[in-house]
């Protein structure tokens, strides 16, 4: 099914299109969330909420601003970050062990392989070390620009410049694909 057909089907509230979307994109979208939210149960909850949000807010998607997957991934990423910042999570007082951090990203449902399967790993190779670091923390670990700046003692302007430069490199490489 082509992207245009998926969008039209979702806007028409077609059940088969929604099922197709789930079958085709659920693993990759869950992977976006699980890189930010390490607790499997919470990540699944966030994914469910984000998927519902995607199907209900499809009318807000604008083709001119980017691809459908990017729009959906941003909804998932933002939902995961919102969940981490919520009172529910911040008041739980839980901290992840080092094992959760090291092994959590790669274990559940083949997340690591699936993300690499959509080409992210190859695209990241083109970035310099500073850009890789910034992209890893902001896009995959859910940090804000300010949090990266404060935690790693990097001026905020430098963080933003590195993000902008990394995005430019990634755009060039995506255009070649």
N, C-alpha and C. Protein backbone atom coordinates (compact mmCIF):
# COMPACT_ATOMS: atom_id res chain seq x y z
N UNK A 1 0.85 -1.18 0.00
CA UNK A 1 0.00 0.00 0.00
C UNK A 1 0.90 1.24 0.00
N UNK A 2 0.64 2.16 -0.89
CA UNK A 2 1.42 3.38 -0.99
C UNK A 2 1.07 4.34 0.15
N UNK A 3 1.98 5.25 0.46
CA UNK A 3 1.77 6.20 1.54
C UNK A 3 0.51 7.04 1.33
N UNK A 4 0.26 7.44 0.10
CA UNK A 4 -0.93 8.25 -0.22
C UNK A 4 -2.20 7.46 0.09
N UNK A 5 -2.18 6.18 -0.22
CA UNK A 5 -3.34 5.32 0.06
C UNK A 5 -3.54 5.15 1.56
N UNK A 6 -2.45 5.02 2.30
CA UNK A 6 -2.54 4.88 3.75
C UNK A 6 -3.16 6.13 4.35
N UNK A 7 -2.68 7.28 3.94
CA UNK A 7 -3.19 8.55 4.46
C UNK A 7 -4.68 8.69 4.14
N UNK A 8 -5.05 8.41 2.90
CA UNK A 8 -6.47 8.51 2.50
C UNK A 8 -7.32 7.53 3.31
N UNK A 9 -6.85 6.32 3.48
CA UNK A 9 -7.58 5.32 4.25
C UNK A 9 -7.75 5.72 5.70
N UNK A 10 -6.70 6.25 6.31
CA UNK A 10 -6.79 6.69 7.70
C UNK A 10 -7.77 7.85 7.84
N UNK A 11 -7.71 8.77 6.89
CA UNK A 11 -8.63 9.91 6.95
C UNK A 11 -10.08 9.47 6.76
N UNK A 12 -10.27 8.37 6.03
CA UNK A 12 -11.61 7.83 5.82
C UNK A 12 -12.01 6.89 6.97
N UNK A 13 -11.13 6.74 7.95
CA UNK A 13 -11.35 5.87 9.11
C UNK A 13 -11.57 4.41 8.71
N UNK A 14 -10.83 3.98 7.69
CA UNK A 14 -10.92 2.61 7.19
C UNK A 14 -10.18 1.66 8.12
N UNK A 15 -10.86 0.66 8.61
CA UNK A 15 -10.30 -0.28 9.57
C UNK A 15 -9.13 -1.09 8.98
N UNK A 16 -9.27 -1.52 7.74
CA UNK A 16 -8.20 -2.31 7.10
C UNK A 16 -6.92 -1.49 6.96
N UNK A 17 -7.07 -0.21 6.68
CA UNK A 17 -5.90 0.66 6.57
C UNK A 17 -5.22 0.81 7.92
N UNK A 18 -6.03 0.95 8.97
CA UNK A 18 -5.48 1.06 10.32
C UNK A 18 -4.73 -0.22 10.69
N UNK A 19 -5.30 -1.37 10.35
CA UNK A 19 -4.63 -2.64 10.61
C UNK A 19 -3.33 -2.76 9.82
N UNK A 20 -3.36 -2.33 8.56
CA UNK A 20 -2.17 -2.35 7.72
C UNK A 20 -1.08 -1.44 8.33
N UNK A 21 -1.49 -0.25 8.76
CA UNK A 21 -0.55 0.69 9.38
C UNK A 21 0.09 0.06 10.61
N UNK A 22 -0.72 -0.57 11.43
CA UNK A 22 -0.21 -1.23 12.63
C UNK A 22 0.77 -2.34 12.26
N UNK A 23 0.38 -3.18 11.32
CA UNK A 23 1.24 -4.30 10.91
C UNK A 23 2.57 -3.81 10.34
N UNK A 24 2.52 -2.75 9.57
CA UNK A 24 3.73 -2.28 8.87
C UNK A 24 4.65 -1.44 9.76
N UNK A 25 4.08 -0.62 10.65
CA UNK A 25 4.88 0.36 11.37
C UNK A 25 4.99 0.15 12.88
N UNK A 26 4.22 -0.75 13.46
CA UNK A 26 4.19 -0.84 14.92
C UNK A 26 5.56 -1.14 15.55
N UNK A 27 6.31 -2.04 14.96
CA UNK A 27 7.63 -2.38 15.55
C UNK A 27 8.58 -1.19 15.52
N UNK A 28 8.62 -0.48 14.40
CA UNK A 28 9.53 0.67 14.29
C UNK A 28 9.09 1.79 15.23
N UNK A 29 7.79 2.03 15.33
CA UNK A 29 7.29 3.09 16.22
C UNK A 29 7.50 2.72 17.69
N UNK A 30 7.28 1.45 18.01
CA UNK A 30 7.55 1.00 19.38
C UNK A 30 9.04 1.16 19.71
N UNK A 31 9.88 0.92 18.73
CA UNK A 31 11.33 1.07 18.94
C UNK A 31 11.69 2.50 19.28
N UNK A 32 11.05 3.46 18.62
CA UNK A 32 11.29 4.88 18.93
C UNK A 32 10.99 5.13 20.41
N UNK A 33 9.87 4.61 20.88
CA UNK A 33 9.45 4.81 22.26
C UNK A 33 10.36 4.07 23.23
N UNK A 34 10.71 2.83 22.91
CA UNK A 34 11.49 2.02 23.85
C UNK A 34 12.92 2.51 24.01
N UNK A 35 13.39 3.35 23.11
CA UNK A 35 14.72 3.95 23.28
C UNK A 35 14.67 5.09 24.29
N UNK A 36 13.48 5.55 24.61
CA UNK A 36 13.31 6.64 25.57
C UNK A 36 12.75 6.11 26.88
N UNK A 37 11.74 5.26 26.78
CA UNK A 37 11.08 4.67 27.96
C UNK A 37 11.55 3.23 28.06
N UNK A 38 12.35 2.94 29.08
CA UNK A 38 12.97 1.62 29.19
C UNK A 38 12.05 0.57 29.81
N UNK A 39 11.07 0.99 30.59
CA UNK A 39 10.13 0.06 31.20
C UNK A 39 9.18 -0.46 30.13
N UNK A 40 9.16 -1.77 29.93
CA UNK A 40 8.38 -2.37 28.84
C UNK A 40 6.89 -2.06 28.95
N UNK A 41 6.33 -2.17 30.16
CA UNK A 41 4.89 -1.93 30.34
C UNK A 41 4.53 -0.48 30.04
N UNK A 42 5.34 0.44 30.50
CA UNK A 42 5.07 1.85 30.25
C UNK A 42 5.26 2.16 28.77
N UNK A 43 6.28 1.58 28.15
CA UNK A 43 6.52 1.80 26.72
C UNK A 43 5.34 1.31 25.90
N UNK A 44 4.78 0.16 26.26
CA UNK A 44 3.61 -0.37 25.55
C UNK A 44 2.40 0.56 25.72
N UNK A 45 2.24 1.08 26.92
CA UNK A 45 1.14 2.03 27.18
C UNK A 45 1.31 3.30 26.33
N UNK A 46 2.52 3.81 26.30
CA UNK A 46 2.80 5.00 25.51
C UNK A 46 2.56 4.72 24.03
N UNK A 47 2.99 3.54 23.56
CA UNK A 47 2.77 3.19 22.15
C UNK A 47 1.29 3.14 21.83
N UNK A 48 0.51 2.50 22.70
CA UNK A 48 -0.93 2.41 22.46
C UNK A 48 -1.54 3.81 22.37
N UNK A 49 -1.21 4.67 23.33
CA UNK A 49 -1.75 6.03 23.33
C UNK A 49 -1.31 6.80 22.08
N UNK A 50 -0.05 6.64 21.70
CA UNK A 50 0.47 7.35 20.53
C UNK A 50 -0.19 6.85 19.25
N UNK A 51 -0.42 5.54 19.15
CA UNK A 51 -1.05 5.00 17.95
C UNK A 51 -2.48 5.52 17.81
N UNK A 52 -3.19 5.58 18.92
CA UNK A 52 -4.55 6.14 18.90
C UNK A 52 -4.49 7.60 18.47
N UNK A 53 -3.51 8.32 19.01
CA UNK A 53 -3.36 9.74 18.65
C UNK A 53 -3.07 9.89 17.15
N UNK A 54 -2.24 9.02 16.61
CA UNK A 54 -1.91 9.07 15.17
C UNK A 54 -3.17 8.89 14.33
N UNK A 55 -3.98 7.89 14.69
CA UNK A 55 -5.18 7.63 13.89
C UNK A 55 -6.22 8.73 14.04
N UNK A 56 -6.30 9.33 15.22
CA UNK A 56 -7.30 10.39 15.43
C UNK A 56 -6.88 11.73 14.86
N UNK A 57 -5.57 11.97 14.80
CA UNK A 57 -5.08 13.27 14.37
C UNK A 57 -4.49 13.25 12.96
N UNK A 58 -4.85 12.25 12.19
CA UNK A 58 -4.31 12.13 10.83
C UNK A 58 -4.66 13.35 9.98
N UNK A 59 -5.75 14.01 10.28
CA UNK A 59 -6.12 15.21 9.51
C UNK A 59 -5.12 16.35 9.71
N UNK A 60 -4.34 16.30 10.77
CA UNK A 60 -3.32 17.33 11.02
C UNK A 60 -2.02 17.07 10.26
N UNK A 61 -1.88 15.88 9.71
CA UNK A 61 -0.67 15.54 8.95
C UNK A 61 -0.67 16.32 7.64
N UNK A 62 0.47 16.94 7.35
CA UNK A 62 0.63 17.69 6.11
C UNK A 62 1.76 17.06 5.30
N UNK A 63 1.40 16.56 4.12
CA UNK A 63 2.38 15.87 3.28
C UNK A 63 3.56 16.76 2.92
N UNK A 64 3.32 18.06 2.79
CA UNK A 64 4.37 18.99 2.38
C UNK A 64 5.46 19.15 3.44
N UNK A 65 5.16 18.78 4.68
CA UNK A 65 6.13 18.97 5.77
C UNK A 65 7.00 17.75 6.03
N UNK A 66 6.70 16.63 5.40
CA UNK A 66 7.53 15.45 5.61
C UNK A 66 6.76 14.18 5.38
N UNK A 67 7.47 13.07 5.49
CA UNK A 67 6.87 11.76 5.25
C UNK A 67 6.01 11.33 6.44
N UNK A 68 5.09 10.43 6.16
CA UNK A 68 4.17 9.94 7.18
C UNK A 68 4.92 9.29 8.34
N UNK A 69 5.92 8.46 8.03
CA UNK A 69 6.66 7.79 9.10
C UNK A 69 7.32 8.81 10.04
N UNK A 70 7.89 9.86 9.49
CA UNK A 70 8.55 10.88 10.31
C UNK A 70 7.54 11.54 11.24
N UNK A 71 6.38 11.86 10.73
CA UNK A 71 5.32 12.48 11.52
C UNK A 71 4.90 11.54 12.65
N UNK A 72 4.69 10.26 12.32
CA UNK A 72 4.29 9.28 13.33
C UNK A 72 5.39 9.07 14.37
N UNK A 73 6.63 9.01 13.92
CA UNK A 73 7.76 8.82 14.84
C UNK A 73 7.88 10.00 15.80
N UNK A 74 7.63 11.19 15.31
CA UNK A 74 7.67 12.37 16.18
C UNK A 74 6.56 12.33 17.21
N UNK A 75 5.37 11.89 16.83
CA UNK A 75 4.29 11.75 17.81
C UNK A 75 4.68 10.74 18.88
N UNK A 76 5.26 9.62 18.47
CA UNK A 76 5.69 8.59 19.43
C UNK A 76 6.80 9.12 20.34
N UNK A 77 7.77 9.77 19.75
CA UNK A 77 8.89 10.32 20.51
C UNK A 77 8.39 11.35 21.52
N UNK A 78 7.54 12.26 21.08
CA UNK A 78 7.02 13.29 21.98
C UNK A 78 6.15 12.68 23.08
N UNK A 79 5.38 11.66 22.74
CA UNK A 79 4.56 10.98 23.75
C UNK A 79 5.44 10.32 24.80
N UNK A 80 6.52 9.70 24.36
CA UNK A 80 7.45 9.05 25.30
C UNK A 80 8.10 10.08 26.22
N UNK A 81 8.52 11.18 25.66
CA UNK A 81 9.14 12.24 26.47
C UNK A 81 8.12 12.82 27.45
N UNK A 82 6.92 13.06 26.97
CA UNK A 82 5.86 13.57 27.85
C UNK A 82 5.61 12.62 29.01
N UNK A 83 5.62 11.32 28.72
CA UNK A 83 5.39 10.33 29.77
C UNK A 83 6.50 10.35 30.80
N UNK A 84 7.75 10.47 30.34
CA UNK A 84 8.87 10.52 31.28
C UNK A 84 8.81 11.76 32.17
N UNK A 85 8.31 12.84 31.63
CA UNK A 85 8.23 14.09 32.39
C UNK A 85 6.96 14.19 33.23
N UNK A 86 6.06 13.24 33.09
CA UNK A 86 4.79 13.29 33.81
C UNK A 86 5.01 13.08 35.30
N UNK A 87 4.05 13.56 36.08
CA UNK A 87 4.12 13.39 37.53
C UNK A 87 4.15 11.92 37.90
N UNK A 88 3.37 11.12 37.18
CA UNK A 88 3.29 9.69 37.45
C UNK A 88 4.67 9.05 37.47
N UNK A 89 5.49 9.38 36.49
CA UNK A 89 6.82 8.79 36.39
C UNK A 89 7.78 9.46 37.36
N UNK A 90 7.76 10.78 37.41
CA UNK A 90 8.73 11.48 38.25
C UNK A 90 8.50 11.21 39.73
N UNK A 91 7.27 10.92 40.13
CA UNK A 91 6.99 10.64 41.54
C UNK A 91 7.22 9.18 41.90
N UNK A 92 7.38 8.33 40.90
CA UNK A 92 7.58 6.92 41.20
C UNK A 92 8.94 6.68 41.84
N UNK A 93 9.89 7.58 41.58
CA UNK A 93 11.20 7.48 42.21
C UNK A 93 12.04 6.32 41.71
N UNK A 94 11.60 5.68 40.66
CA UNK A 94 12.35 4.54 40.13
C UNK A 94 13.57 5.02 39.39
N UNK A 95 14.64 4.25 39.51
CA UNK A 95 15.82 4.50 38.70
C UNK A 95 16.18 3.20 38.01
N UNK A 96 16.71 3.32 36.84
CA UNK A 96 17.11 2.13 36.09
C UNK A 96 18.48 1.67 36.56
N UNK A 97 18.64 0.36 36.63
CA UNK A 97 19.96 -0.17 36.91
C UNK A 97 20.79 -0.06 35.64
N UNK A 98 22.08 -0.21 35.77
CA UNK A 98 22.93 -0.15 34.60
C UNK A 98 22.58 -1.27 33.62
N UNK A 99 22.17 -2.43 34.12
CA UNK A 99 21.77 -3.53 33.25
C UNK A 99 20.55 -3.15 32.42
N UNK A 100 19.57 -2.47 33.05
CA UNK A 100 18.39 -2.02 32.30
C UNK A 100 18.80 -1.10 31.18
N UNK A 101 19.74 -0.24 31.46
CA UNK A 101 20.17 0.74 30.46
C UNK A 101 20.92 0.06 29.32
N UNK A 102 21.86 -0.80 29.67
CA UNK A 102 22.71 -1.42 28.66
C UNK A 102 21.93 -2.43 27.82
N UNK A 103 21.14 -3.29 28.47
CA UNK A 103 20.49 -4.37 27.75
C UNK A 103 19.06 -4.07 27.35
N UNK A 104 18.43 -3.11 27.98
CA UNK A 104 17.03 -2.80 27.72
C UNK A 104 16.76 -2.33 26.31
N UNK A 105 17.71 -1.61 25.73
CA UNK A 105 17.49 -1.05 24.41
C UNK A 105 17.48 -2.12 23.32
N UNK A 106 18.21 -3.18 23.51
CA UNK A 106 18.37 -4.15 22.45
C UNK A 106 17.48 -5.37 22.60
N UNK A 107 16.90 -5.56 23.77
CA UNK A 107 16.24 -6.83 24.01
C UNK A 107 14.83 -6.91 23.42
N UNK A 108 13.91 -6.18 23.98
CA UNK A 108 12.49 -6.41 23.74
C UNK A 108 12.09 -6.30 22.28
N UNK A 109 11.52 -7.32 21.80
CA UNK A 109 10.93 -7.45 20.45
C UNK A 109 11.85 -7.05 19.31
N UNK A 110 13.13 -7.32 19.43
CA UNK A 110 14.03 -7.08 18.31
C UNK A 110 14.18 -5.62 17.94
N UNK A 111 14.05 -4.75 18.90
CA UNK A 111 14.08 -3.31 18.64
C UNK A 111 15.33 -2.88 17.91
N UNK A 112 16.49 -3.28 18.41
CA UNK A 112 17.74 -2.82 17.82
C UNK A 112 17.85 -3.22 16.36
N UNK A 113 17.52 -4.47 16.07
CA UNK A 113 17.63 -4.91 14.69
C UNK A 113 16.67 -4.15 13.79
N UNK A 114 15.47 -3.87 14.28
CA UNK A 114 14.48 -3.21 13.43
C UNK A 114 14.87 -1.77 13.13
N UNK A 115 15.38 -1.05 14.11
CA UNK A 115 15.81 0.33 13.87
C UNK A 115 16.95 0.33 12.86
N UNK A 116 17.90 -0.57 13.04
CA UNK A 116 19.00 -0.64 12.10
C UNK A 116 18.50 -1.04 10.72
N UNK A 117 17.43 -1.83 10.68
CA UNK A 117 16.86 -2.29 9.42
C UNK A 117 16.25 -1.17 8.60
N UNK A 118 15.88 -0.05 9.23
CA UNK A 118 15.30 1.05 8.45
C UNK A 118 16.38 2.07 8.06
N UNK A 119 17.64 1.76 8.33
CA UNK A 119 18.73 2.56 7.81
C UNK A 119 19.29 3.63 8.71
N UNK A 120 18.86 3.70 9.95
CA UNK A 120 19.34 4.75 10.85
C UNK A 120 20.84 4.60 11.10
N UNK A 121 21.29 3.37 11.29
CA UNK A 121 22.70 3.13 11.59
C UNK A 121 23.59 3.63 10.46
N UNK A 122 23.20 3.35 9.24
CA UNK A 122 24.00 3.78 8.09
C UNK A 122 24.03 5.30 7.98
N UNK A 123 22.91 5.93 8.27
CA UNK A 123 22.86 7.39 8.20
C UNK A 123 23.73 8.04 9.27
N UNK A 124 23.78 7.44 10.45
CA UNK A 124 24.55 8.00 11.56
C UNK A 124 26.06 7.94 11.30
N UNK A 125 26.50 7.02 10.46
CA UNK A 125 27.93 6.89 10.16
C UNK A 125 28.49 8.18 9.55
N UNK A 126 27.66 8.89 8.80
CA UNK A 126 28.11 10.10 8.12
C UNK A 126 28.33 11.27 9.07
N UNK A 127 27.84 11.18 10.30
CA UNK A 127 27.98 12.28 11.26
C UNK A 127 29.34 12.22 11.95
N UNK A 128 29.86 13.39 12.34
CA UNK A 128 31.08 13.39 13.14
C UNK A 128 30.73 13.01 14.58
N UNK A 129 31.72 12.79 15.42
CA UNK A 129 31.48 12.29 16.78
C UNK A 129 30.60 13.23 17.60
N UNK A 130 30.82 14.55 17.49
CA UNK A 130 30.01 15.51 18.24
C UNK A 130 28.55 15.44 17.81
N UNK A 131 28.32 15.34 16.51
CA UNK A 131 26.96 15.26 15.99
C UNK A 131 26.29 13.95 16.41
N UNK A 132 27.02 12.85 16.35
CA UNK A 132 26.47 11.56 16.77
C UNK A 132 26.04 11.62 18.24
N UNK A 133 26.89 12.20 19.05
CA UNK A 133 26.60 12.32 20.48
C UNK A 133 25.31 13.10 20.71
N UNK A 134 25.19 14.24 20.05
CA UNK A 134 24.02 15.10 20.21
C UNK A 134 22.77 14.39 19.72
N UNK A 135 22.83 13.77 18.55
CA UNK A 135 21.66 13.07 17.99
C UNK A 135 21.26 11.91 18.91
N UNK A 136 22.23 11.17 19.40
CA UNK A 136 21.95 10.04 20.30
C UNK A 136 21.16 10.51 21.52
N UNK A 137 21.63 11.57 22.16
CA UNK A 137 20.98 12.01 23.39
C UNK A 137 19.65 12.72 23.14
N UNK A 138 19.56 13.53 22.11
CA UNK A 138 18.33 14.28 21.89
C UNK A 138 17.25 13.43 21.24
N UNK A 139 17.58 12.69 20.20
CA UNK A 139 16.56 11.97 19.46
C UNK A 139 16.32 10.55 19.95
N UNK A 140 17.34 9.89 20.46
CA UNK A 140 17.15 8.51 20.87
C UNK A 140 16.97 8.35 22.37
N UNK A 141 17.49 9.26 23.15
CA UNK A 141 17.35 9.15 24.60
C UNK A 141 16.38 10.17 25.17
N UNK A 142 15.87 11.08 24.33
CA UNK A 142 14.80 11.97 24.75
C UNK A 142 15.22 13.21 25.53
N UNK A 143 16.49 13.54 25.52
CA UNK A 143 16.93 14.75 26.21
C UNK A 143 16.48 15.99 25.43
N UNK A 144 16.30 17.09 26.14
CA UNK A 144 16.06 18.37 25.47
C UNK A 144 17.41 19.02 25.19
N UNK A 145 17.40 20.06 24.37
CA UNK A 145 18.65 20.79 24.10
C UNK A 145 19.24 21.32 25.40
N UNK A 146 18.38 21.88 26.24
CA UNK A 146 18.84 22.45 27.52
C UNK A 146 19.43 21.38 28.44
N UNK A 147 18.80 20.21 28.48
CA UNK A 147 19.30 19.13 29.33
C UNK A 147 20.68 18.67 28.88
N UNK A 148 20.89 18.54 27.59
CA UNK A 148 22.21 18.15 27.07
C UNK A 148 23.22 19.22 27.43
N UNK A 149 22.84 20.47 27.25
CA UNK A 149 23.72 21.59 27.55
C UNK A 149 24.16 21.57 29.02
N UNK A 150 23.20 21.43 29.91
CA UNK A 150 23.50 21.44 31.35
C UNK A 150 24.27 20.20 31.79
N UNK A 151 23.81 19.04 31.37
CA UNK A 151 24.40 17.80 31.85
C UNK A 151 25.83 17.59 31.36
N UNK A 152 26.13 18.02 30.14
CA UNK A 152 27.45 17.76 29.56
C UNK A 152 28.28 19.03 29.42
N UNK A 153 27.80 20.12 30.02
CA UNK A 153 28.52 21.39 30.05
C UNK A 153 28.93 21.85 28.64
N UNK A 154 27.94 21.83 27.75
CA UNK A 154 28.12 22.31 26.38
C UNK A 154 27.24 23.54 26.24
N UNK A 155 27.75 24.66 25.73
CA UNK A 155 26.90 25.83 25.57
C UNK A 155 25.66 25.51 24.73
N UNK A 156 24.51 26.07 25.13
CA UNK A 156 23.25 25.79 24.45
C UNK A 156 23.31 26.10 22.96
N UNK A 157 23.94 27.18 22.59
CA UNK A 157 24.08 27.54 21.19
C UNK A 157 24.86 26.50 20.40
N UNK A 158 25.87 25.93 21.04
CA UNK A 158 26.67 24.88 20.40
C UNK A 158 25.83 23.62 20.19
N UNK A 159 25.02 23.27 21.20
CA UNK A 159 24.14 22.11 21.06
C UNK A 159 23.21 22.30 19.87
N UNK A 160 22.60 23.47 19.79
CA UNK A 160 21.65 23.75 18.70
C UNK A 160 22.36 23.76 17.34
N UNK A 161 23.57 24.30 17.29
CA UNK A 161 24.34 24.31 16.03
C UNK A 161 24.68 22.89 15.59
N UNK A 162 25.05 22.04 16.54
CA UNK A 162 25.39 20.65 16.21
C UNK A 162 24.15 19.88 15.73
N UNK A 163 23.01 20.16 16.34
CA UNK A 163 21.77 19.52 15.89
C UNK A 163 21.47 19.94 14.46
N UNK A 164 21.55 21.24 14.21
CA UNK A 164 21.26 21.77 12.87
C UNK A 164 22.22 21.17 11.83
N UNK A 165 23.50 21.11 12.17
CA UNK A 165 24.50 20.55 11.24
C UNK A 165 24.23 19.06 11.00
N UNK A 166 23.88 18.34 12.05
CA UNK A 166 23.59 16.91 11.92
C UNK A 166 22.36 16.69 11.03
N UNK A 167 21.35 17.50 11.22
CA UNK A 167 20.14 17.37 10.40
C UNK A 167 20.47 17.63 8.93
N UNK A 168 21.32 18.59 8.66
CA UNK A 168 21.70 18.87 7.28
C UNK A 168 22.43 17.68 6.65
N UNK A 169 23.33 17.07 7.41
CA UNK A 169 24.06 15.90 6.90
C UNK A 169 23.09 14.74 6.67
N UNK A 170 22.19 14.52 7.62
CA UNK A 170 21.22 13.43 7.49
C UNK A 170 20.28 13.65 6.31
N UNK A 171 19.86 14.88 6.08
CA UNK A 171 18.99 15.20 4.95
C UNK A 171 19.68 14.87 3.62
N UNK A 172 20.96 15.24 3.51
CA UNK A 172 21.72 14.94 2.29
C UNK A 172 21.77 13.44 2.05
N UNK A 173 22.03 12.69 3.10
CA UNK A 173 22.15 11.23 2.96
C UNK A 173 20.81 10.56 2.70
N UNK A 174 19.74 11.07 3.27
CA UNK A 174 18.41 10.51 3.02
C UNK A 174 18.02 10.78 1.57
N UNK A 175 18.38 11.95 1.06
CA UNK A 175 18.05 12.30 -0.33
C UNK A 175 18.72 11.35 -1.31
N UNK A 176 19.86 10.79 -0.95
CA UNK A 176 20.58 9.87 -1.83
C UNK A 176 19.96 8.48 -1.87
N UNK A 177 19.18 8.18 -0.87
CA UNK A 177 18.61 6.82 -0.76
C UNK A 177 17.48 6.63 -1.73
